[in-house]
Amino acid sequence: MSEALIAQRGPYAVEVTAGEDYFWCRCGRSAKQPFCDGSHKGTGLAPLKYHAETSDTLYFCGCKHTGTPPCCDGSHNRL
């Protein structure tokens, strides 16, 4: 299994829409951060499905080290 790459040392602010599914990139290799584009193939890492219950602004983790995936918990401050 490969280790996740740090895509960004901070969160991505994303407007999510109630009822929609989002696939957060866990590997850090996607060109469509913070979402999956299939670049994880062969890494042993898979995207995390997030279903938005309400429309809101969420802060998706960019460093891929959060303890509360897919949202940022400030882990990038300790890298």
Protein backbone atom coordinates (compact mmCIF):
# COMPACT_ATOMS: atom_id res chain seq x y z
CA MET A 1 0.00 0.00 0.00
CA SER A 2 1.29 3.44 -0.91
CA GLU A 3 1.41 6.41 1.40
CA ALA A 4 -0.83 9.38 0.63
CA LEU A 5 0.84 12.39 -0.95
CA ILE A 6 0.25 15.86 0.46
CA ALA A 7 -1.79 17.63 -2.22
CA GLN A 8 -1.97 20.92 -0.30
CA ARG A 9 -1.02 22.06 3.21
CA GLY A 10 -4.47 23.37 3.98
CA PRO A 11 -8.13 22.62 3.29
CA TYR A 12 -10.17 23.08 0.13
CA ALA A 13 -13.36 25.10 0.65
CA VAL A 14 -16.13 23.40 -1.30
CA GLU A 15 -19.81 24.30 -1.69
CA VAL A 16 -21.65 20.98 -1.39
CA THR A 17 -25.24 20.42 -2.47
CA ALA A 18 -27.75 18.47 -0.38
CA GLY A 19 -28.37 14.99 -1.77
CA GLU A 20 -25.15 14.89 -3.84
CA ASP A 21 -22.29 12.40 -3.46
CA TYR A 22 -18.66 13.51 -3.47
CA PHE A 23 -15.60 11.25 -3.71
CA TRP A 24 -12.72 12.69 -1.70
CA CYS A 25 -9.24 11.79 -2.93
CA ARG A 26 -7.33 9.88 -0.22
CA CYS A 27 -4.13 9.32 -2.19
CA GLY A 28 -3.22 12.95 -2.99
CA ARG A 29 -2.48 12.15 -6.64
CA SER A 30 -5.68 13.46 -8.25
CA ALA A 31 -5.45 16.44 -10.60
CA LYS A 32 -9.01 17.34 -9.54
CA GLN A 33 -8.32 17.97 -5.83
CA PRO A 34 -9.92 17.51 -3.42
CA PHE A 35 -11.85 14.94 -5.45
CA CYS A 36 -10.86 11.66 -7.06
CA ASP A 37 -9.95 11.38 -10.74
CA GLY A 38 -8.87 7.72 -10.63
CA SER A 39 -5.16 8.43 -10.11
CA HIS A 40 -5.15 6.13 -7.06
CA LYS A 41 -5.16 2.99 -9.24
CA GLY A 42 -2.44 0.63 -8.02
CA THR A 43 -1.78 2.54 -4.78
CA GLY A 44 -3.98 0.46 -2.49
CA LEU A 45 -5.82 3.65 -1.55
CA ALA A 46 -9.41 4.33 -2.58
CA PRO A 47 -11.53 7.49 -2.50
CA LEU A 48 -13.95 8.16 0.35
CA LYS A 49 -17.60 8.71 -0.56
CA TYR A 50 -19.21 11.67 1.19
CA HIS A 51 -22.98 12.16 0.92
CA ALA A 52 -24.09 15.74 1.61
CA GLU A 53 -27.16 15.82 3.82
CA THR A 54 -27.39 19.61 3.62
CA SER A 55 -26.07 22.32 1.30
CA ASP A 56 -23.12 24.01 2.98
CA THR A 57 -19.49 25.03 2.67
CA LEU A 58 -17.20 22.21 3.81
CA TYR A 59 -13.45 22.24 4.18
CA PHE A 60 -12.09 19.08 2.60
CA CYS A 61 -8.65 17.98 3.80
CA GLY A 62 -5.82 18.74 1.39
CA CYS A 63 -2.93 17.13 3.28
CA LYS A 64 -4.63 13.69 3.43
CA HIS A 65 -3.66 13.23 7.09
CA THR A 66 -6.91 14.32 8.77
CA GLY A 67 -8.32 12.26 11.60
CA THR A 68 -11.85 13.25 10.51
CA PRO A 69 -11.99 12.38 6.80
CA PRO A 70 -12.93 13.90 4.48
CA CYS A 71 -12.94 17.18 6.41
CA CYS A 72 -9.93 19.10 7.63
CA ASP A 73 -9.06 18.82 11.34
CA GLY A 74 -5.93 20.99 11.27
CA SER A 75 -3.51 18.06 10.85
CA HIS A 76 -1.65 20.04 8.17
CA ASN A 77 -0.35 22.31 10.97
CA ARG A 78 1.64 19.37 12.39
CA LEU A 79 3.29 18.25 9.14
